[in-house]
Amino acid sequence: MGFEIMTLKGSIESDIWSVEAETLPAPEGSFCCRINVTHGAPAQCCTHTFAHHRVWANEMDAVLDGLREGMVWVDLKFRHAFAV
């Protein structure tokens, strides 16, 4: 009998942006996190998906830090620190 791998997901949303974080299994029983950031009006929506640069021992830490990293990305984008 095989085991199904489950992931932990979290999201934070506003009217003009959203951040989603999803954990993925990493080597040696650790976890990594994929982050998806969406922003802009529906007609001009921009999406950016990236992997967090860290690996964690548990899923809760991975998804919480992934959400924080996504919020940093949103903050920098709205401060015009970079253009996408």
PDB file of N, CA and C in Angstrom:
ATOM      1  N   MET A   1       0.843  -1.177   0.000  1.00  0.00           N
ATOM      2  CA  MET A   1       0.000   0.000   0.000  1.00  0.00           C
ATOM      3  C   MET A   1       0.890   1.242   0.000  1.00  0.00           C
ATOM      4  N   GLY A   2       0.679   2.148  -0.952  1.00  0.00           N
ATOM      5  CA  GLY A   2       1.479   3.367  -1.052  1.00  0.00           C
ATOM      6  C   GLY A   2       0.866   4.497  -0.242  1.00  0.00           C
ATOM      7  N   PHE A   3       1.682   5.466   0.045  1.00  0.00           N
ATOM      8  CA  PHE A   3       1.222   6.647   0.774  1.00  0.00           C
ATOM      9  C   PHE A   3       1.059   7.791  -0.191  1.00  0.00           C
ATOM     10  N   GLU A   4       0.002   8.564   0.004  1.00  0.00           N
ATOM     11  CA  GLU A   4      -0.217   9.755  -0.809  1.00  0.00           C
ATOM     12  C   GLU A   4       0.491  10.919  -0.143  1.00  0.00           C
ATOM     13  N   ILE A   5       1.245  11.657  -0.932  1.00  0.00           N
ATOM     14  CA  ILE A   5       1.950  12.826  -0.404  1.00  0.00           C
ATOM     15  C   ILE A   5       0.983  13.995  -0.383  1.00  0.00           C
ATOM     16  N   MET A   6       0.825  14.585   0.786  1.00  0.00           N
ATOM     17  CA  MET A   6      -0.043  15.751   0.935  1.00  0.00           C
ATOM     18  C   MET A   6       0.831  16.983   1.099  1.00  0.00           C
ATOM     19  N   THR A   7       0.309  18.090   0.689  1.00  0.00           N
ATOM     20  CA  THR A   7       1.033  19.342   0.854  1.00  0.00           C
ATOM     21  C   THR A   7       0.219  20.284   1.723  1.00  0.00           C
ATOM     22  N   LEU A   8       0.911  21.177   2.368  1.00  0.00           N
ATOM     23  CA  LEU A   8       0.272  22.216   3.160  1.00  0.00           C
ATOM     24  C   LEU A   8       0.240  23.477   2.315  1.00  0.00           C
ATOM     25  N   LYS A   9      -0.899  24.151   2.285  1.00  0.00           N
ATOM     26  CA  LYS A   9      -1.057  25.355   1.477  1.00  0.00           C
ATOM     27  C   LYS A   9      -1.575  26.491   2.347  1.00  0.00           C
ATOM     28  N   GLY A  10      -1.204  27.702   1.984  1.00  0.00           N
ATOM     29  CA  GLY A  10      -1.701  28.882   2.663  1.00  0.00           C
ATOM     30  C   GLY A  10      -1.850  30.017   1.674  1.00  0.00           C
ATOM     31  N   SER A  11      -2.721  30.959   1.981  1.00  0.00           N
ATOM     32  CA  SER A  11      -2.892  32.109   1.080  1.00  0.00           C
ATOM     33  C   SER A  11      -3.259  33.357   1.872  1.00  0.00           C
ATOM     34  N   ILE A  12      -2.894  34.485   1.308  1.00  0.00           N
ATOM     35  CA  ILE A  12      -3.232  35.805   1.833  1.00  0.00           C
ATOM     36  C   ILE A  12      -3.712  36.608   0.631  1.00  0.00           C
ATOM     37  N   GLU A  13      -4.839  37.307   0.773  1.00  0.00           N
ATOM     38  CA  GLU A  13      -5.408  38.014  -0.373  1.00  0.00           C
ATOM     39  C   GLU A  13      -5.854  39.421  -0.015  1.00  0.00           C
ATOM     40  N   SER A  14      -5.822  40.272  -1.028  1.00  0.00           N
ATOM     41  CA  SER A  14      -6.402  41.612  -0.945  1.00  0.00           C
ATOM     42  C   SER A  14      -7.158  41.837  -2.246  1.00  0.00           C
ATOM     43  N   ASP A  15      -7.653  43.037  -2.445  1.00  0.00           N
ATOM     44  CA  ASP A  15      -8.398  43.330  -3.668  1.00  0.00           C
ATOM     45  C   ASP A  15      -7.518  43.305  -4.917  1.00  0.00           C
ATOM     46  N   ILE A  16      -6.237  43.667  -4.776  1.00  0.00           N
ATOM     47  CA  ILE A  16      -5.383  43.796  -5.960  1.00  0.00           C
ATOM     48  C   ILE A  16      -4.180  42.856  -5.972  1.00  0.00           C
ATOM     49  N   TRP A  17      -4.021  42.000  -4.971  1.00  0.00           N
ATOM     50  CA  TRP A  17      -2.921  41.048  -4.969  1.00  0.00           C
ATOM     51  C   TRP A  17      -3.286  39.815  -4.137  1.00  0.00           C
ATOM     52  N   SER A  18      -2.569  38.729  -4.389  1.00  0.00           N
ATOM     53  CA  SER A  18      -2.710  37.540  -3.564  1.00  0.00           C
ATOM     54  C   SER A  18      -1.363  36.813  -3.512  1.00  0.00           C
ATOM     55  N   VAL A  19      -1.141  36.131  -2.414  1.00  0.00           N
ATOM     56  CA  VAL A  19       0.063  35.326  -2.220  1.00  0.00           C
ATOM     57  C   VAL A  19      -0.388  33.932  -1.817  1.00  0.00           C
ATOM     58  N   GLU A  20       0.126  32.924  -2.501  1.00  0.00           N
ATOM     59  CA  GLU A  20      -0.156  31.540  -2.161  1.00  0.00           C
ATOM     60  C   GLU A  20       1.175  30.824  -1.951  1.00  0.00           C
ATOM     61  N   ALA A  21       1.238  29.990  -0.935  1.00  0.00           N
ATOM     62  CA  ALA A  21       2.442  29.204  -0.664  1.00  0.00           C
ATOM     63  C   ALA A  21       2.029  27.751  -0.536  1.00  0.00           C
ATOM     64  N   GLU A  22       2.827  26.865  -1.123  1.00  0.00           N
ATOM     65  CA  GLU A  22       2.543  25.431  -1.103  1.00  0.00           C
ATOM     66  C   GLU A  22       3.835  24.677  -0.801  1.00  0.00           C
ATOM     67  N   THR A  23       3.780  23.767   0.159  1.00  0.00           N
ATOM     68  CA  THR A  23       4.968  22.988   0.499  1.00  0.00           C
ATOM     69  C   THR A  23       5.134  21.818  -0.461  1.00  0.00           C
ATOM     70  N   LEU A  24       6.376  21.425  -0.634  1.00  0.00           N
ATOM     71  CA  LEU A  24       6.734  20.274  -1.468  1.00  0.00           C
ATOM     72  C   LEU A  24       7.775  19.465  -0.719  1.00  0.00           C
ATOM     73  N   PRO A  25       7.768  18.148  -0.876  1.00  0.00           N
ATOM     74  CA  PRO A  25       8.790  17.347  -0.212  1.00  0.00           C
ATOM     75  C   PRO A  25      10.174  17.657  -0.770  1.00  0.00           C
ATOM     76  N   ALA A  26      11.152  17.661   0.104  1.00  0.00           N
ATOM     77  CA  ALA A  26      12.550  17.876  -0.275  1.00  0.00           C
ATOM     78  C   ALA A  26      13.353  16.678   0.255  1.00  0.00           C
ATOM     79  N   PRO A  27      14.612  16.576  -0.119  1.00  0.00           N
ATOM     80  CA  PRO A  27      15.419  15.439   0.326  1.00  0.00           C
ATOM     81  C   PRO A  27      15.497  15.315   1.850  1.00  0.00           C
ATOM     82  N   GLU A  28      15.679  14.095   2.294  1.00  0.00           N
ATOM     83  CA  GLU A  28      15.906  13.772   3.699  1.00  0.00           C
ATOM     84  C   GLU A  28      14.754  14.197   4.615  1.00  0.00           C
ATOM     85  N   GLY A  29      13.520  14.095   4.139  1.00  0.00           N
ATOM     86  CA  GLY A  29      12.364  14.383   4.975  1.00  0.00           C
ATOM     87  C   GLY A  29      12.105  15.846   5.248  1.00  0.00           C
ATOM     88  N   SER A  30      12.772  16.728   4.546  1.00  0.00           N
ATOM     89  CA  SER A  30      12.556  18.162   4.741  1.00  0.00           C
ATOM     90  C   SER A  30      11.539  18.666   3.716  1.00  0.00           C
ATOM     91  N   PHE A  31      11.274  19.984   3.756  1.00  0.00           N
ATOM     92  CA  PHE A  31      10.262  20.572   2.881  1.00  0.00           C
ATOM     93  C   PHE A  31      10.768  21.863   2.256  1.00  0.00           C
ATOM     94  N   CYS A  32      10.372  22.078   1.008  1.00  0.00           N
ATOM     95  CA  CYS A  32      10.631  23.350   0.343  1.00  0.00           C
ATOM     96  C   CYS A  32       9.274  24.004   0.072  1.00  0.00           C
ATOM     97  N   CYS A  33       9.280  25.191  -0.495  1.00  0.00           N
ATOM     98  CA  CYS A  33       8.039  25.935  -0.669  1.00  0.00           C
ATOM     99  C   CYS A  33       8.013  26.626  -2.032  1.00  0.00           C
ATOM    100  N   ARG A  34       6.879  26.485  -2.719  1.00  0.00           N
ATOM    101  CA  ARG A  34       6.652  27.190  -3.982  1.00  0.00           C
ATOM    102  C   ARG A  34       5.685  28.335  -3.680  1.00  0.00           C
ATOM    103  N   ILE A  35       6.021  29.524  -4.173  1.00  0.00           N
ATOM    104  CA  ILE A  35       5.252  30.730  -3.877  1.00  0.00           C
ATOM    105  C   ILE A  35       4.681  31.281  -5.179  1.00  0.00           C
ATOM    106  N   ASN A  36       3.411  31.649  -5.157  1.00  0.00           N
ATOM    107  CA  ASN A  36       2.755  32.236  -6.314  1.00  0.00           C
ATOM    108  C   ASN A  36       2.181  33.591  -5.901  1.00  0.00           C
ATOM    109  N   VAL A  37       2.599  34.648  -6.591  1.00  0.00           N
ATOM    110  CA  VAL A  37       2.126  36.004  -6.309  1.00  0.00           C
ATOM    111  C   VAL A  37       1.369  36.498  -7.536  1.00  0.00           C
ATOM    112  N   THR A  38       0.177  37.020  -7.317  1.00  0.00           N
ATOM    113  CA  THR A  38      -0.635  37.591  -8.387  1.00  0.00           C
ATOM    114  C   THR A  38      -0.986  39.016  -7.979  1.00  0.00           C
ATOM    115  N   HIS A  39      -0.869  39.941  -8.931  1.00  0.00           N
ATOM    116  CA  HIS A  39      -1.213  41.330  -8.617  1.00  0.00           C
ATOM    117  C   HIS A  39      -1.702  42.037  -9.854  1.00  0.00           C
ATOM    118  N   GLY A  40      -2.406  43.127  -9.625  1.00  0.00           N
ATOM    119  CA  GLY A  40      -2.930  43.944 -10.713  1.00  0.00           C
ATOM    120  C   GLY A  40      -4.409  43.727 -10.929  1.00  0.00           C
ATOM    121  N   ALA A  41      -4.990  44.614 -11.711  1.00  0.00           N
ATOM    122  CA  ALA A  41      -6.402  44.512 -12.073  1.00  0.00           C
ATOM    123  C   ALA A  41      -6.624  43.257 -12.917  1.00  0.00           C
ATOM    124  N   PRO A  42      -7.814  42.680 -12.889  1.00  0.00           N
ATOM    125  CA  PRO A  42      -8.056  41.450 -13.646  1.00  0.00           C
ATOM    126  C   PRO A  42      -7.664  41.529 -15.119  1.00  0.00           C
ATOM    127  N   ALA A  43      -7.859  42.675 -15.745  1.00  0.00           N
ATOM    128  CA  ALA A  43      -7.517  42.815 -17.165  1.00  0.00           C
ATOM    129  C   ALA A  43      -6.008  42.867 -17.396  1.00  0.00           C
ATOM    130  N   GLN A  44      -5.241  43.256 -16.381  1.00  0.00           N
ATOM    131  CA  GLN A  44      -3.791  43.378 -16.501  1.00  0.00           C
ATOM    132  C   GLN A  44      -3.081  42.587 -15.408  1.00  0.00           C
ATOM    133  N   CYS A  45      -3.597  41.437 -15.095  1.00  0.00           N
ATOM    134  CA  CYS A  45      -3.080  40.628 -14.004  1.00  0.00           C
ATOM    135  C   CYS A  45      -1.693  40.066 -14.339  1.00  0.00           C
ATOM    136  N   CYS A  46      -0.800  40.114 -13.363  1.00  0.00           N
ATOM    137  CA  CYS A  46       0.551  39.578 -13.515  1.00  0.00           C
ATOM    138  C   CYS A  46       0.749  38.498 -12.448  1.00  0.00           C
ATOM    139  N   THR A  47       1.303  37.373 -12.841  1.00  0.00           N
ATOM    140  CA  THR A  47       1.560  36.284 -11.912  1.00  0.00           C
ATOM    141  C   THR A  47       3.042  35.952 -11.922  1.00  0.00           C
ATOM    142  N   HIS A  48       3.584  35.731 -10.741  1.00  0.00           N
ATOM    143  CA  HIS A  48       4.995  35.360 -10.600  1.00  0.00           C
ATOM    144  C   HIS A  48       5.064  34.168  -9.645  1.00  0.00           C
ATOM    145  N   THR A  49       5.643  33.069 -10.105  1.00  0.00           N
ATOM    146  CA  THR A  49       5.798  31.868  -9.289  1.00  0.00           C
ATOM    147  C   THR A  49       7.275  31.584  -9.125  1.00  0.00           C
ATOM    148  N   PHE A  50       7.686  31.309  -7.888  1.00  0.00           N
ATOM    149  CA  PHE A  50       9.094  31.039  -7.631  1.00  0.00           C
ATOM    150  C   PHE A  50       9.240  30.106  -6.438  1.00  0.00           C
ATOM    151  N   ALA A  51      10.379  29.463  -6.354  1.00  0.00           N
ATOM    152  CA  ALA A  51      10.687  28.588  -5.233  1.00  0.00           C
ATOM    153  C   ALA A  51      11.444  29.383  -4.174  1.00  0.00           C
ATOM    154  N   HIS A  52      11.089  29.158  -2.929  1.00  0.00           N
ATOM    155  CA  HIS A  52      11.811  29.800  -1.826  1.00  0.00           C
ATOM    156  C   HIS A  52      13.229  29.241  -1.803  1.00  0.00           C
ATOM    157  N   HIS A  53      14.181  30.015  -1.371  1.00  0.00           N
ATOM    158  CA  HIS A  53      15.589  29.612  -1.396  1.00  0.00           C
ATOM    159  C   HIS A  53      15.980  28.720  -0.216  1.00  0.00           C
ATOM    160  N   ARG A  54      15.077  28.531   0.749  1.00  0.00           N
ATOM    161  CA  ARG A  54      15.392  27.748   1.948  1.00  0.00           C
ATOM    162  C   ARG A  54      14.699  26.393   1.946  1.00  0.00           C
ATOM    163  N   VAL A  55      15.118  25.519   2.853  1.00  0.00           N
ATOM    164  CA  VAL A  55      14.496  24.225   3.101  1.00  0.00           C
ATOM    165  C   VAL A  55      14.248  24.135   4.602  1.00  0.00           C
ATOM    166  N   TRP A  56      13.100  23.565   5.001  1.00  0.00           N
ATOM    167  CA  TRP A  56      12.709  23.497   6.407  1.00  0.00           C
ATOM    168  C   TRP A  56      12.500  22.060   6.858  1.00  0.00           C
ATOM    169  N   ALA A  57      12.565  21.862   8.159  1.00  0.00           N
ATOM    170  CA  ALA A  57      12.372  20.536   8.742  1.00  0.00           C
ATOM    171  C   ALA A  57      10.891  20.170   8.822  1.00  0.00           C
ATOM    172  N   ASN A  58       9.988  21.181   8.846  1.00  0.00           N
ATOM    173  CA  ASN A  58       8.556  20.863   8.912  1.00  0.00           C
ATOM    174  C   ASN A  58       7.758  21.758   7.974  1.00  0.00           C
ATOM    175  N   GLU A  59       6.580  21.276   7.610  1.00  0.00           N
ATOM    176  CA  GLU A  59       5.744  21.971   6.629  1.00  0.00           C
ATOM    177  C   GLU A  59       5.198  23.295   7.140  1.00  0.00           C
ATOM    178  N   MET A  60       4.852  23.369   8.408  1.00  0.00           N
ATOM    179  CA  MET A  60       4.290  24.608   8.931  1.00  0.00           C
ATOM    180  C   MET A  60       5.279  25.764   8.787  1.00  0.00           C
ATOM    181  N   ASP A  61       6.530  25.537   9.153  1.00  0.00           N
ATOM    182  CA  ASP A  61       7.541  26.590   8.994  1.00  0.00           C
ATOM    183  C   ASP A  61       7.736  26.945   7.525  1.00  0.00           C
ATOM    184  N   ALA A  62       7.695  25.942   6.666  1.00  0.00           N
ATOM    185  CA  ALA A  62       7.885  26.177   5.230  1.00  0.00           C
ATOM    186  C   ALA A  62       6.788  27.062   4.653  1.00  0.00           C
ATOM    187  N   VAL A  63       5.518  26.754   4.958  1.00  0.00           N
ATOM    188  CA  VAL A  63       4.431  27.537   4.376  1.00  0.00           C
ATOM    189  C   VAL A  63       4.366  28.937   4.982  1.00  0.00           C
ATOM    190  N   LEU A  64       4.621  29.072   6.289  1.00  0.00           N
ATOM    191  CA  LEU A  64       4.599  30.407   6.903  1.00  0.00           C
ATOM    192  C   LEU A  64       5.712  31.294   6.347  1.00  0.00           C
ATOM    193  N   ASP A  65       6.911  30.746   6.209  1.00  0.00           N
ATOM    194  CA  ASP A  65       8.003  31.545   5.658  1.00  0.00           C
ATOM    195  C   ASP A  65       7.766  31.828   4.176  1.00  0.00           C
ATOM    196  N   GLY A  66       7.137  30.896   3.469  1.00  0.00           N
ATOM    197  CA  GLY A  66       6.784  31.138   2.067  1.00  0.00           C
ATOM    198  C   GLY A  66       5.810  32.294   1.917  1.00  0.00           C
ATOM    199  N   LEU A  67       4.816  32.354   2.801  1.00  0.00           N
ATOM    200  CA  LEU A  67       3.866  33.473   2.768  1.00  0.00           C
ATOM    201  C   LEU A  67       4.568  34.788   3.083  1.00  0.00           C
ATOM    202  N   ARG A  68       5.489  34.774   4.055  1.00  0.00           N
ATOM    203  CA  ARG A  68       6.264  35.987   4.375  1.00  0.00           C
ATOM    204  C   ARG A  68       7.077  36.437   3.156  1.00  0.00           C
ATOM    205  N   GLU A  69       7.743  35.494   2.508  1.00  0.00           N
ATOM    206  CA  GLU A  69       8.570  35.822   1.340  1.00  0.00           C
ATOM    207  C   GLU A  69       7.709  36.410   0.214  1.00  0.00           C
ATOM    208  N   GLY A  70       6.521  35.853   0.017  1.00  0.00           N
ATOM    209  CA  GLY A  70       5.597  36.385  -0.983  1.00  0.00           C
ATOM    210  C   GLY A  70       5.155  37.798  -0.657  1.00  0.00           C
ATOM    211  N   MET A  71       4.920  38.067   0.628  1.00  0.00           N
ATOM    212  CA  MET A  71       4.526  39.413   1.043  1.00  0.00           C
ATOM    213  C   MET A  71       5.670  40.409   0.841  1.00  0.00           C
ATOM    214  N   VAL A  72       6.896  39.977   1.063  1.00  0.00           N
ATOM    215  CA  VAL A  72       8.056  40.846   0.790  1.00  0.00           C
ATOM    216  C   VAL A  72       8.085  41.188  -0.697  1.00  0.00           C
ATOM    217  N   TRP A  73       7.835  40.196  -1.545  1.00  0.00           N
ATOM    218  CA  TRP A  73       7.824  40.421  -2.994  1.00  0.00           C
ATOM    219  C   TRP A  73       6.750  41.451  -3.355  1.00  0.00           C
ATOM    220  N   VAL A  74       5.541  41.303  -2.781  1.00  0.00           N
ATOM    221  CA  VAL A  74       4.447  42.258  -3.050  1.00  0.00           C
ATOM    222  C   VAL A  74       4.859  43.655  -2.599  1.00  0.00           C
ATOM    223  N   ASP A  75       5.434  43.757  -1.394  1.00  0.00           N
ATOM    224  CA  ASP A  75       5.855  45.054  -0.871  1.00  0.00           C
ATOM    225  C   ASP A  75       6.880  45.713  -1.795  1.00  0.00           C
ATOM    226  N   LEU A  76       7.884  44.970  -2.214  1.00  0.00           N
ATOM    227  CA  LEU A  76       8.899  45.531  -3.110  1.00  0.00           C
ATOM    228  C   LEU A  76       8.307  45.937  -4.452  1.00  0.00           C
ATOM    229  N   LYS A  77       7.389  45.142  -4.964  1.00  0.00           N
ATOM    230  CA  LYS A  77       6.756  45.461  -6.246  1.00  0.00           C
ATOM    231  C   LYS A  77       5.981  46.768  -6.150  1.00  0.00           C
ATOM    232  N   PHE A  78       5.222  46.959  -5.083  1.00  0.00           N
ATOM    233  CA  PHE A  78       4.418  48.171  -4.948  1.00  0.00           C
ATOM    234  C   PHE A  78       5.245  49.385  -4.562  1.00  0.00           C
ATOM    235  N   ARG A  79       6.464  49.180  -4.105  1.00  0.00           N
ATOM    236  CA  ARG A  79       7.388  50.292  -3.860  1.00  0.00           C
ATOM    237  C   ARG A  79       8.204  50.600  -5.116  1.00  0.00           C
ATOM    238  N   HIS A  80       7.904  49.899  -6.212  1.00  0.00           N
ATOM    239  CA  HIS A  80       8.579  50.074  -7.509  1.00  0.00           C
ATOM    240  C   HIS A  80      10.078  49.765  -7.416  1.00  0.00           C
ATOM    241  N   ALA A  81      10.425  48.786  -6.580  1.00  0.00           N
ATOM    242  CA  ALA A  81      11.833  48.380  -6.463  1.00  0.00           C
ATOM    243  C   ALA A  81      12.297  47.637  -7.712  1.00  0.00           C
ATOM    244  N   PHE A  82      11.337  47.071  -8.456  1.00  0.00           N
ATOM    245  CA  PHE A  82      11.646  46.378  -9.702  1.00  0.00           C
ATOM    246  C   PHE A  82      10.399  46.404 -10.579  1.00  0.00           C
ATOM    247  N   ALA A  83      10.566  46.095 -11.842  1.00  0.00           N
ATOM    248  CA  ALA A  83       9.444  46.046 -12.791  1.00  0.00           C
ATOM    249  C   ALA A  83       9.316  44.635 -13.334  1.00  0.00           C
ATOM    250  N   VAL A  84       8.068  44.193 -13.468  1.00  0.00           N
ATOM    251  CA  VAL A  84       7.811  42.872 -14.031  1.00  0.00           C
ATOM    252  C   VAL A  84       6.965  43.056 -15.264  1.00  0.00           C
TER     253      VAL A  84
END
